[in-house]
Amino acid sequence: MNKITFDSIEVRQEIPLFKKSVDQETFWGYAVGSFDYNPVHCDPEWVKTAQPFSIPVTVAHGMMTMSFMMSAVTNWAYPAMLKITKATTKFVRPVQPGWTVNCTGVISEKHVICPGKNYVVLDLKAENQDGELVAIGQAEVVFPD
């Protein structure tokens, strides 16, 4: 693997894909880790009747979707000892069990400040297996000296 340096990257460069398949077990596991046992994520029988998102199935925690997006960033940044300083996300569509979430990122901005403070902005996107958008976001990544 080539070392990532600030000089070696370019605007419009893509980071590697992060892909994760989810099911009800995934939602239950995330509920335990996050202490978020909301029935919209954890109770398939309740959701069949209530349909809070107008669908009769549970949906993923939004923060789980965000964590998948950030996994794309950390898998790219951390081996090179880069530092994530900011992340934002907007959820567009709830993730359903049985889906595969594909997370990508592209460098949209490159900011020259000074050694140790130079950073890039990544535009992030999460789509389901059919290419339907489920979330968008951005991350700022600082390069060391």
Protein backbone atom coordinates (compact mmCIF):
# COMPACT_ATOMS: atom_id res chain seq x y z
CA MET A 1 0.00 0.00 0.00
CA ASN A 2 1.38 3.40 -0.98
CA LYS A 3 1.55 5.98 1.78
CA ILE A 4 -1.08 8.67 1.40
CA THR A 5 0.38 12.15 1.56
CA PHE A 6 -1.26 15.51 1.09
CA ASP A 7 0.73 16.06 -2.10
CA SER A 8 -0.20 12.63 -3.50
CA ILE A 9 -3.97 13.16 -3.50
CA GLU A 10 -6.13 15.13 -5.88
CA VAL A 11 -9.61 16.61 -5.90
CA ARG A 12 -12.11 14.11 -7.39
CA GLN A 13 -10.01 11.17 -6.15
CA GLU A 14 -12.16 8.37 -4.70
CA ILE A 15 -11.54 6.44 -1.51
CA PRO A 16 -12.16 2.67 -1.40
CA LEU A 17 -15.73 1.38 -1.12
CA PHE A 18 -17.04 0.16 2.24
CA LYS A 19 -19.84 -2.39 1.93
CA LYS A 20 -22.03 -3.87 4.66
CA SER A 21 -25.03 -6.19 4.46
CA VAL A 22 -27.63 -5.79 7.20
CA ASP A 23 -30.47 -7.86 8.61
CA GLN A 24 -32.59 -7.84 11.76
CA GLU A 25 -29.75 -9.42 13.73
CA THR A 26 -27.55 -6.46 12.74
CA PHE A 27 -30.19 -4.03 14.05
CA TRP A 28 -30.50 -5.91 17.34
CA GLY A 29 -26.71 -5.96 17.76
CA TYR A 30 -26.51 -2.23 17.15
CA ALA A 31 -29.35 -1.65 19.64
CA VAL A 32 -27.34 -3.43 22.34
CA GLY A 33 -24.21 -1.41 21.58
CA SER A 34 -26.02 1.92 21.40
CA PHE A 35 -28.67 1.31 24.11
CA ASP A 36 -31.27 2.39 21.52
CA TYR A 37 -34.07 -0.17 21.71
CA ASN A 38 -36.64 1.89 19.82
CA PRO A 39 -39.23 -0.53 18.40
CA VAL A 40 -38.81 0.98 14.92
CA HIS A 41 -35.43 -0.82 14.92
CA CYS A 42 -36.07 -3.77 17.20
CA ASP A 43 -39.68 -4.97 17.07
CA PRO A 44 -40.66 -6.49 13.71
CA GLU A 45 -44.18 -7.35 14.93
CA TRP A 46 -44.91 -3.83 16.18
CA VAL A 47 -43.63 -2.26 12.93
CA LYS A 48 -45.95 -4.42 10.81
CA THR A 49 -48.89 -2.57 12.36
CA ALA A 50 -47.47 0.85 13.21
CA GLN A 51 -45.51 1.39 9.97
CA PRO A 52 -43.83 4.62 11.17
CA PHE A 53 -41.93 4.94 7.88
CA SER A 54 -44.89 3.71 5.80
CA ILE A 55 -43.23 0.32 5.41
CA PRO A 56 -44.02 -2.85 7.42
CA VAL A 57 -40.40 -3.63 8.37
CA THR A 58 -37.89 -2.41 10.91
CA VAL A 59 -35.21 0.04 9.79
CA ALA A 60 -31.58 0.58 10.72
CA HIS A 61 -30.49 3.14 13.28
CA GLY A 62 -29.40 6.30 11.47
CA MET A 63 -26.16 6.33 13.44
CA MET A 64 -25.43 2.80 12.19
CA THR A 65 -25.66 4.08 8.62
CA MET A 66 -23.39 6.96 9.58
CA SER A 67 -20.91 4.51 11.12
CA PHE A 68 -20.76 2.61 7.82
CA MET A 69 -20.00 5.86 5.99
CA MET A 70 -17.30 6.71 8.50
CA SER A 71 -15.83 3.22 8.14
CA ALA A 72 -15.08 4.09 4.51
CA VAL A 73 -13.21 7.15 5.78
CA THR A 74 -11.36 5.44 8.63
CA ASN A 75 -10.32 2.49 6.46
CA TRP A 76 -8.71 5.00 4.11
CA ALA A 77 -7.38 7.55 6.63
CA TYR A 78 -6.22 5.65 9.71
CA PRO A 79 -3.57 3.41 8.10
CA ALA A 80 -1.89 6.63 6.92
CA MET A 81 -2.23 8.18 10.41
CA LEU A 82 -4.61 10.86 9.14
CA LYS A 83 -7.00 12.53 11.59
CA ILE A 84 -10.74 12.96 11.10
CA THR A 85 -11.77 16.31 12.58
CA LYS A 86 -15.35 16.73 11.41
CA ALA A 87 -18.19 14.62 10.06
CA THR A 88 -21.75 15.45 9.05
CA THR A 89 -24.51 13.25 7.73
CA LYS A 90 -28.00 13.62 6.32
CA PHE A 91 -30.24 10.56 6.18
CA VAL A 92 -32.28 10.37 3.00
CA ARG A 93 -33.98 6.98 3.22
CA PRO A 94 -34.23 4.37 5.99
CA VAL A 95 -32.13 1.22 5.55
CA GLN A 96 -34.18 -1.98 5.56
CA PRO A 97 -33.20 -5.51 6.60
CA GLY A 98 -31.79 -7.56 3.74
CA TRP A 99 -30.12 -4.55 2.14
CA THR A 100 -26.45 -4.03 1.40
CA VAL A 101 -25.18 -0.53 2.14
CA ASN A 102 -22.41 0.69 -0.18
CA CYS A 103 -20.47 3.69 1.11
CA THR A 104 -18.19 5.78 -1.07
CA GLY A 105 -16.28 8.99 -0.77
CA VAL A 106 -14.62 11.46 -3.09
CA ILE A 107 -12.21 14.26 -2.25
CA SER A 108 -14.09 17.47 -3.06
CA GLU A 109 -11.78 20.07 -1.54
CA LYS A 110 -8.09 20.34 -0.69
CA HIS A 111 -7.03 23.05 1.79
CA VAL A 112 -3.42 24.16 2.13
CA ILE A 113 -2.99 25.77 5.56
CA CYS A 114 0.47 24.80 6.84
CA PRO A 115 2.26 21.51 7.58
CA GLY A 116 0.24 19.53 10.10
CA LYS A 117 -2.95 21.48 9.40
CA ASN A 118 -3.53 20.79 5.70
CA TYR A 119 -6.81 19.00 5.19
CA VAL A 120 -9.22 17.60 2.64
CA VAL A 121 -13.00 17.46 2.53
CA LEU A 122 -14.59 14.20 1.47
CA ASP A 123 -18.11 14.07 0.05
CA LEU A 124 -19.67 10.83 1.30
CA LYS A 125 -22.54 8.81 -0.06
CA ALA A 126 -24.35 5.66 1.08
CA GLU A 127 -26.54 3.72 -1.33
CA ASN A 128 -28.42 0.45 -1.13
CA GLN A 129 -27.70 -2.50 -3.41
CA ASP A 130 -29.97 -0.99 -6.09
CA GLY A 131 -28.08 2.30 -6.14
CA GLU A 132 -30.78 4.17 -4.22
CA LEU A 133 -29.39 6.94 -2.01
CA VAL A 134 -29.81 6.36 1.74
CA ALA A 135 -27.46 9.02 3.19
CA ILE A 136 -25.02 11.75 2.27
CA GLY A 137 -22.37 13.51 4.28
CA GLN A 138 -18.96 15.10 4.50
CA ALA A 139 -15.80 14.49 6.49
CA GLU A 140 -12.73 16.64 7.03
CA VAL A 141 -9.42 14.81 7.26
CA VAL A 142 -6.19 16.47 8.44
CA PHE A 143 -2.76 15.33 7.26
CA PRO A 144 0.12 15.10 9.76
CA ASP A 145 3.42 16.95 9.37
